[in-house]
C-alpha atoms as a PDB file:
ATOM      1  CA  MET A   1      -4.846 -42.226  -1.700  1.00  0.00           C
ATOM      2  CA  THR A   2      -4.568 -45.504   0.070  1.00  0.00           C
ATOM      3  CA  VAL A   3      -5.555 -47.548   3.107  1.00  0.00           C
ATOM      4  CA  SER A   4      -4.152 -50.389   4.822  1.00  0.00           C
ATOM      5  CA  THR A   5      -5.807 -53.163   6.495  1.00  0.00           C
ATOM      6  CA  VAL A   6      -3.142 -55.377   8.132  1.00  0.00           C
ATOM      7  CA  ALA A   7      -3.892 -58.706   9.129  1.00  0.00           C
ATOM      8  CA  TRP A   8      -1.058 -60.320  11.395  1.00  0.00           C
ATOM      9  CA  LEU A   9      -1.118 -63.951  12.469  1.00  0.00           C
ATOM     10  CA  ARG A  10      -0.635 -64.414  15.847  1.00  0.00           C
ATOM     11  CA  THR A  11       0.726 -67.202  17.571  1.00  0.00           C
ATOM     12  CA  GLY A  12       1.352 -67.853  21.527  1.00  0.00           C
ATOM     13  CA  GLY A  13       0.871 -64.138  21.899  1.00  0.00           C
ATOM     14  CA  ARG A  14       3.439 -62.928  19.234  1.00  0.00           C
ATOM     15  CA  ILE A  15       3.112 -61.502  16.066  1.00  0.00           C
ATOM     16  CA  SER A  16       4.785 -64.020  13.689  1.00  0.00           C
ATOM     17  CA  ARG A  17       4.019 -62.984  10.201  1.00  0.00           C
ATOM     18  CA  MET A  18       2.329 -59.999   8.831  1.00  0.00           C
ATOM     19  CA  VAL A  19       0.368 -59.260   5.530  1.00  0.00           C
ATOM     20  CA  CYS A  20      -0.785 -55.984   4.215  1.00  0.00           C
ATOM     21  CA  ILE A  21      -3.901 -55.369   2.208  1.00  0.00           C
ATOM     22  CA  ALA A  22      -3.852 -51.843   0.881  1.00  0.00           C
ATOM     23  CA  LEU A  23      -6.954 -50.763  -0.557  1.00  0.00           C
ATOM     24  CA  SER A  24      -7.638 -47.393  -2.382  1.00  0.00           C
ATOM     25  CA  ALA A  25     -10.528 -45.278  -1.224  1.00  0.00           C
ATOM     26  CA  TRP A  26     -11.689 -42.171  -2.274  1.00  0.00           C
ATOM     27  CA  ILE A  27     -12.894 -41.484   1.271  1.00  0.00           C
ATOM     28  CA  TRP A  28      -9.065 -41.573   2.476  1.00  0.00           C
ATOM     29  CA  PRO A  29      -7.874 -37.817   2.995  1.00  0.00           C
ATOM     30  CA  ALA A  30      -4.892 -36.865   0.886  1.00  0.00           C
ATOM     31  CA  SER A  31      -3.010 -35.823   3.813  1.00  0.00           C
ATOM     32  CA  GLY A  32      -3.142 -39.051   5.786  1.00  0.00           C
ATOM     33  CA  GLY A  33      -5.432 -40.658   8.192  1.00  0.00           C
ATOM     34  CA  THR A  34      -5.323 -42.733  11.656  1.00  0.00           C
ATOM     35  CA  LEU A  35      -5.720 -46.440  11.843  1.00  0.00           C
ATOM     36  CA  GLU A  36      -7.960 -48.190  14.143  1.00  0.00           C
ATOM     37  CA  LYS A  37      -7.085 -51.700  15.416  1.00  0.00           C
ATOM     38  CA  PHE A  38      -9.403 -54.632  15.223  1.00  0.00           C
ATOM     39  CA  LEU A  39      -8.569 -57.664  17.350  1.00  0.00           C
ATOM     40  CA  SER A  40     -10.129 -61.219  16.483  1.00  0.00           C
ATOM     41  CA  GLU A  41      -9.599 -62.997  19.827  1.00  0.00           C
ATOM     42  CA  ALA A  42     -11.364 -65.952  18.408  1.00  0.00           C
ATOM     43  CA  TYR A  43      -9.118 -66.533  15.528  1.00  0.00           C
ATOM     44  CA  GLY A  44      -6.218 -65.176  16.693  1.00  0.00           C
ATOM     45  CA  TYR A  45      -5.712 -62.061  14.383  1.00  0.00           C
ATOM     46  CA  THR A  46      -5.495 -58.167  14.418  1.00  0.00           C
ATOM     47  CA  ALA A  47      -6.510 -56.110  11.286  1.00  0.00           C
ATOM     48  CA  ARG A  48      -6.002 -52.226  11.352  1.00  0.00           C
ATOM     49  CA  TYR A  49      -8.439 -50.137   9.218  1.00  0.00           C
ATOM     50  CA  PRO A  50      -9.156 -46.347   8.585  1.00  0.00           C
ATOM     51  CA  SER A  51     -10.428 -44.358  11.272  1.00  0.00           C
ATOM     52  CA  ASP A  52     -13.183 -42.760   8.859  1.00  0.00           C
ATOM     53  CA  TRP A  53     -14.526 -45.985   7.672  1.00  0.00           C
ATOM     54  CA  TYR A  54     -17.155 -47.553  10.160  1.00  0.00           C
ATOM     55  CA  LEU A  55     -16.726 -50.716  12.024  1.00  0.00           C
ATOM     56  CA  VAL A  56     -20.103 -52.990  11.275  1.00  0.00           C
ATOM     57  CA  GLN A  57     -21.302 -54.858  14.468  1.00  0.00           C
ATOM     58  CA  PRO A  58     -17.846 -54.449  16.629  1.00  0.00           C
ATOM     59  CA  SER A  59     -18.704 -57.677  18.415  1.00  0.00           C
ATOM     60  CA  LEU A  60     -18.456 -59.911  15.274  1.00  0.00           C
ATOM     61  CA  GLU A  61     -15.203 -61.930  14.926  1.00  0.00           C
ATOM     62  CA  ASN A  62     -14.007 -60.762  11.904  1.00  0.00           C
ATOM     63  CA  LEU A  63     -13.370 -57.675  10.407  1.00  0.00           C
ATOM     64  CA  SER A  64     -16.438 -55.795   8.381  1.00  0.00           C
ATOM     65  CA  ILE A  65     -16.051 -52.318   7.602  1.00  0.00           C
ATOM     66  CA  GLU A  66     -18.182 -50.012   5.462  1.00  0.00           C
ATOM     67  CA  ASN A  67     -17.191 -46.350   4.027  1.00  0.00           C
ATOM     68  CA  PHE A  68     -20.354 -45.190   4.870  1.00  0.00           C
ATOM     69  CA  PRO A  69     -21.962 -44.349   8.363  1.00  0.00           C
ATOM     70  CA  PRO A  70     -24.853 -46.756   9.605  1.00  0.00           C
ATOM     71  CA  SER A  71     -27.581 -44.321   9.145  1.00  0.00           C
ATOM     72  CA  GLU A  72     -26.657 -44.385   5.338  1.00  0.00           C
ATOM     73  CA  THR A  73     -27.706 -48.185   4.983  1.00  0.00           C
ATOM     74  CA  VAL A  74     -30.043 -49.021   2.197  1.00  0.00           C
ATOM     75  CA  THR A  75     -32.554 -51.633   3.249  1.00  0.00           C
ATOM     76  CA  GLY A  76     -32.228 -54.749   1.167  1.00  0.00           C
ATOM     77  CA  VAL A  77     -29.089 -54.077  -0.209  1.00  0.00           C
ATOM     78  CA  ARG A  78     -26.875 -52.282   2.530  1.00  0.00           C
ATOM     79  CA  LEU A  79     -24.493 -50.144   0.401  1.00  0.00           C
ATOM     80  CA  PRO A  80     -25.611 -46.604  -0.573  1.00  0.00           C
ATOM     81  CA  THR A  81     -24.606 -45.060  -4.196  1.00  0.00           C
ATOM     82  CA  GLY A  82     -20.760 -44.918  -3.475  1.00  0.00           C
ATOM     83  CA  GLY A  83     -20.869 -47.217  -0.762  1.00  0.00           C
ATOM     84  CA  ALA A  84     -18.151 -49.811  -0.306  1.00  0.00           C
ATOM     85  CA  SER A  85     -17.529 -52.616   2.361  1.00  0.00           C
ATOM     86  CA  ILE A  86     -14.702 -54.809   3.276  1.00  0.00           C
ATOM     87  CA  ASN A  87     -14.792 -58.232   5.030  1.00  0.00           C
ATOM     88  CA  LEU A  88     -11.617 -60.199   6.380  1.00  0.00           C
ATOM     89  CA  LEU A  89     -12.327 -63.782   7.338  1.00  0.00           C
ATOM     90  CA  ALA A  90     -10.417 -66.426   8.833  1.00  0.00           C
ATOM     91  CA  SER A  91     -10.991 -69.864   7.124  1.00  0.00           C
ATOM     92  CA  GLU A  92     -11.834 -71.083  10.779  1.00  0.00           C
ATOM     93  CA  THR A  93     -14.976 -69.234  10.268  1.00  0.00           C
ATOM     94  CA  ILE A  94     -16.298 -71.644   7.758  1.00  0.00           C
ATOM     95  CA  ARG A  95     -18.096 -74.579   8.954  1.00  0.00           C
ATOM     96  CA  ARG A  96     -19.572 -76.433   5.779  1.00  0.00           C
ATOM     97  CA  PRO A  97     -19.007 -79.094   7.338  1.00  0.00           C
ATOM     98  CA  THR A  98     -15.371 -78.341   8.218  1.00  0.00           C
ATOM     99  CA  PRO A  99     -13.494 -75.491   7.254  1.00  0.00           C
ATOM    100  CA  PRO A 100     -11.691 -75.490   4.171  1.00  0.00           C
ATOM    101  CA  HIS A 101      -8.076 -76.297   4.359  1.00  0.00           C
ATOM    102  CA  THR A 102      -6.650 -74.959   1.159  1.00  0.00           C
ATOM    103  CA  VAL A 103      -6.982 -71.809  -1.008  1.00  0.00           C
ATOM    104  CA  PRO A 104      -8.665 -73.807  -3.722  1.00  0.00           C
ATOM    105  CA  ALA A 105     -11.126 -76.138  -1.398  1.00  0.00           C
ATOM    106  CA  TRP A 106     -12.328 -72.178   0.104  1.00  0.00           C
ATOM    107  CA  ILE A 107     -12.858 -71.269  -3.615  1.00  0.00           C
ATOM    108  CA  SER A 108     -14.506 -74.522  -4.756  1.00  0.00           C
ATOM    109  CA  ILE A 109     -17.206 -73.527  -1.777  1.00  0.00           C
ATOM    110  CA  ASP A 110     -17.724 -70.323  -2.461  1.00  0.00           C
ATOM    111  CA  SER A 111     -17.886 -70.882  -6.352  1.00  0.00           C
ATOM    112  CA  ARG A 112     -20.212 -73.810  -5.947  1.00  0.00           C
ATOM    113  CA  HIS A 113     -23.757 -71.860  -6.941  1.00  0.00           C
ATOM    114  CA  THR A 114     -22.326 -68.872  -8.452  1.00  0.00           C
ATOM    115  CA  PRO A 115     -19.441 -68.979 -10.848  1.00  0.00           C
ATOM    116  CA  PRO A 116     -17.018 -65.947 -10.602  1.00  0.00           C
ATOM    117  CA  GLU A 117     -16.603 -63.851 -13.698  1.00  0.00           C
ATOM    118  CA  ALA A 118     -12.771 -63.683 -13.807  1.00  0.00           C
ATOM    119  CA  THR A 119      -9.997 -65.307 -11.758  1.00  0.00           C
ATOM    120  CA  SER A 120      -6.470 -64.311 -11.577  1.00  0.00           C
ATOM    121  CA  THR A 121      -3.611 -65.281  -9.549  1.00  0.00           C
ATOM    122  CA  PHE A 122      -0.267 -63.125  -8.261  1.00  0.00           C
ATOM    123  CA  GLU A 123       2.344 -62.632  -5.618  1.00  0.00           C
ATOM    124  CA  LEU A 124       2.428 -60.238  -3.067  1.00  0.00           C
ATOM    125  CA  GLU A 125       5.806 -59.332  -1.488  1.00  0.00           C
ATOM    126  CA  LYS A 126       6.371 -57.208   1.701  1.00  0.00           C
ATOM    127  CA  ARG A 127       9.928 -57.360   3.085  1.00  0.00           C
ATOM    128  CA  ASP A 128      10.835 -61.330   3.610  1.00  0.00           C
ATOM    129  CA  LEU A 129       7.071 -62.202   3.470  1.00  0.00           C
ATOM    130  CA  ARG A 130       5.436 -63.508  -0.275  1.00  0.00           C
ATOM    131  CA  VAL A 131       1.790 -63.993  -0.267  1.00  0.00           C
ATOM    132  CA  SER A 132       0.256 -65.872  -3.001  1.00  0.00           C
ATOM    133  CA  VAL A 133      -3.247 -64.394  -3.795  1.00  0.00           C
ATOM    134  CA  THR A 134      -6.050 -65.883  -6.087  1.00  0.00           C
ATOM    135  CA  GLU A 135      -8.529 -63.015  -7.035  1.00  0.00           C
ATOM    136  CA  LEU A 136     -12.168 -64.111  -7.950  1.00  0.00           C
ATOM    137  CA  THR A 137     -14.308 -61.130  -9.295  1.00  0.00           C
ATOM    138  CA  GLY A 138     -17.892 -61.008 -10.115  1.00  0.00           C
ATOM    139  CA  ASP A 139     -21.520 -59.826  -9.408  1.00  0.00           C
ATOM    140  CA  CYS A 140     -23.081 -60.819  -6.478  1.00  0.00           C
ATOM    141  CA  CYS A 141     -25.642 -60.193  -3.610  1.00  0.00           C
ATOM    142  CA  ASP A 142     -29.047 -61.297  -5.605  1.00  0.00           C
ATOM    143  CA  VAL A 143     -29.783 -57.333  -5.811  1.00  0.00           C
ATOM    144  CA  ALA A 144     -31.832 -56.058  -9.113  1.00  0.00           C
ATOM    145  CA  PRO A 145     -29.577 -54.294 -11.688  1.00  0.00           C
ATOM    146  CA  PRO A 146     -27.209 -52.409 -11.245  1.00  0.00           C
ATOM    147  CA  PHE A 147     -25.877 -55.331  -9.016  1.00  0.00           C
ATOM    148  CA  GLN A 148     -23.163 -55.230  -6.722  1.00  0.00           C
ATOM    149  CA  THR A 149     -19.623 -56.172  -7.721  1.00  0.00           C
ATOM    150  CA  TYR A 150     -16.835 -57.858  -5.537  1.00  0.00           C
ATOM    151  CA  VAL A 151     -13.630 -58.370  -5.614  1.00  0.00           C
ATOM    152  CA  ALA A 152     -12.216 -61.376  -3.307  1.00  0.00           C
ATOM    153  CA  TRP A 153      -8.920 -62.288  -2.540  1.00  0.00           C
ATOM    154  CA  TYR A 154      -7.975 -65.542  -0.979  1.00  0.00           C
ATOM    155  CA  PHE A 155      -4.356 -66.369   0.484  1.00  0.00           C
ATOM    156  CA  SER A 156      -2.565 -68.133   3.043  1.00  0.00           C
ATOM    157  CA  VAL A 157      -0.133 -66.736   5.756  1.00  0.00           C
ATOM    158  CA  GLY A 158       1.887 -68.717   8.318  1.00  0.00           C
ATOM    159  CA  GLY A 159      -0.236 -72.017   7.160  1.00  0.00           C
ATOM    160  CA  ARG A 160      -3.681 -70.096   7.519  1.00  0.00           C
ATOM    161  CA  LEU A 161      -6.176 -69.187   5.379  1.00  0.00           C
ATOM    162  CA  PHE A 162      -7.798 -65.870   4.891  1.00  0.00           C
ATOM    163  CA  LYS A 163     -10.643 -64.205   2.563  1.00  0.00           C
ATOM    164  CA  ALA A 164     -10.582 -60.215   1.879  1.00  0.00           C
ATOM    165  CA  THR A 165     -14.031 -59.450  -0.036  1.00  0.00           C
ATOM    166  CA  LEU A 166     -14.241 -55.648  -1.351  1.00  0.00           C
ATOM    167  CA  LEU A 167     -17.994 -55.222  -2.012  1.00  0.00           C
ATOM    168  CA  CYS A 168     -19.025 -52.186  -4.192  1.00  0.00           C
ATOM    169  CA  TRP A 169     -21.980 -51.151  -6.967  1.00  0.00           C
ATOM    170  CA  LYS A 170     -21.421 -52.679 -10.196  1.00  0.00           C
ATOM    171  CA  GLY A 171     -19.956 -49.608 -12.593  1.00  0.00           C
ATOM    172  CA  ASP A 172     -18.546 -47.771  -9.744  1.00  0.00           C
ATOM    173  CA  PRO A 173     -15.766 -45.262 -11.083  1.00  0.00           C
ATOM    174  CA  ASN A 174     -13.769 -46.158  -8.186  1.00  0.00           C
ATOM    175  CA  LEU A 175     -13.522 -49.926  -8.846  1.00  0.00           C
ATOM    176  CA  ASP A 176     -10.629 -50.207 -10.910  1.00  0.00           C
ATOM    177  CA  LYS A 177      -8.493 -47.858  -8.287  1.00  0.00           C
ATOM    178  CA  LEU A 178      -9.643 -50.472  -5.694  1.00  0.00           C
ATOM    179  CA  ARG A 179      -8.303 -53.286  -7.263  1.00  0.00           C
ATOM    180  CA  GLU A 180      -5.279 -51.754  -8.658  1.00  0.00           C
ATOM    181  CA  THR A 181      -4.315 -51.088  -4.879  1.00  0.00           C
ATOM    182  CA  LEU A 182      -5.169 -53.996  -3.685  1.00  0.00           C
ATOM    183  CA  LYS A 183      -2.660 -55.150  -6.301  1.00  0.00           C
ATOM    184  CA  ALA A 184       0.132 -52.905  -5.090  1.00  0.00           C
ATOM    185  CA  MET A 185       0.373 -54.081  -1.930  1.00  0.00           C
ATOM    186  CA  ARG A 186       3.597 -52.142  -1.417  1.00  0.00           C
ATOM    187  CA  HIS A 187       2.743 -50.053   1.747  1.00  0.00           C
END
């Protein structure tokens, strides 16, 4: 059961590179499903996401999806039990005071106040594209126990930096499947 979120780097209206971030999800139908398309005009990328996930604020300039309907949002913590969210950001969205220009710089910005519990790096390959990914994991979001867990991927495609973040409840039995599918990237 996998879902693919695909981010394209667009240059002059042409697709020049592609990276596929596959995310396992218990809600993805075994028989397959359709993908919706998200276009960030402001940051020049397109992403595909499963049609049974919900686009959060379609007017946003970066992809943000959740596996639950807006009516199930929990005040103060957002995610209901079993809920997950995925966000894809281009580095240009960061203005502290300027966008980061390297993956380590972006990680340093994000880790300044709360260091990750674990960090790893690995390579993903898709046809002629090789992407180096740095994965950070940890607890987040200033919610009372049981806390929420994040898996953040930092990577560069065609000289542009991106961050994909998966967020779910700590102890979610699907976290390992989500992480393993993220690492698989063979779709």
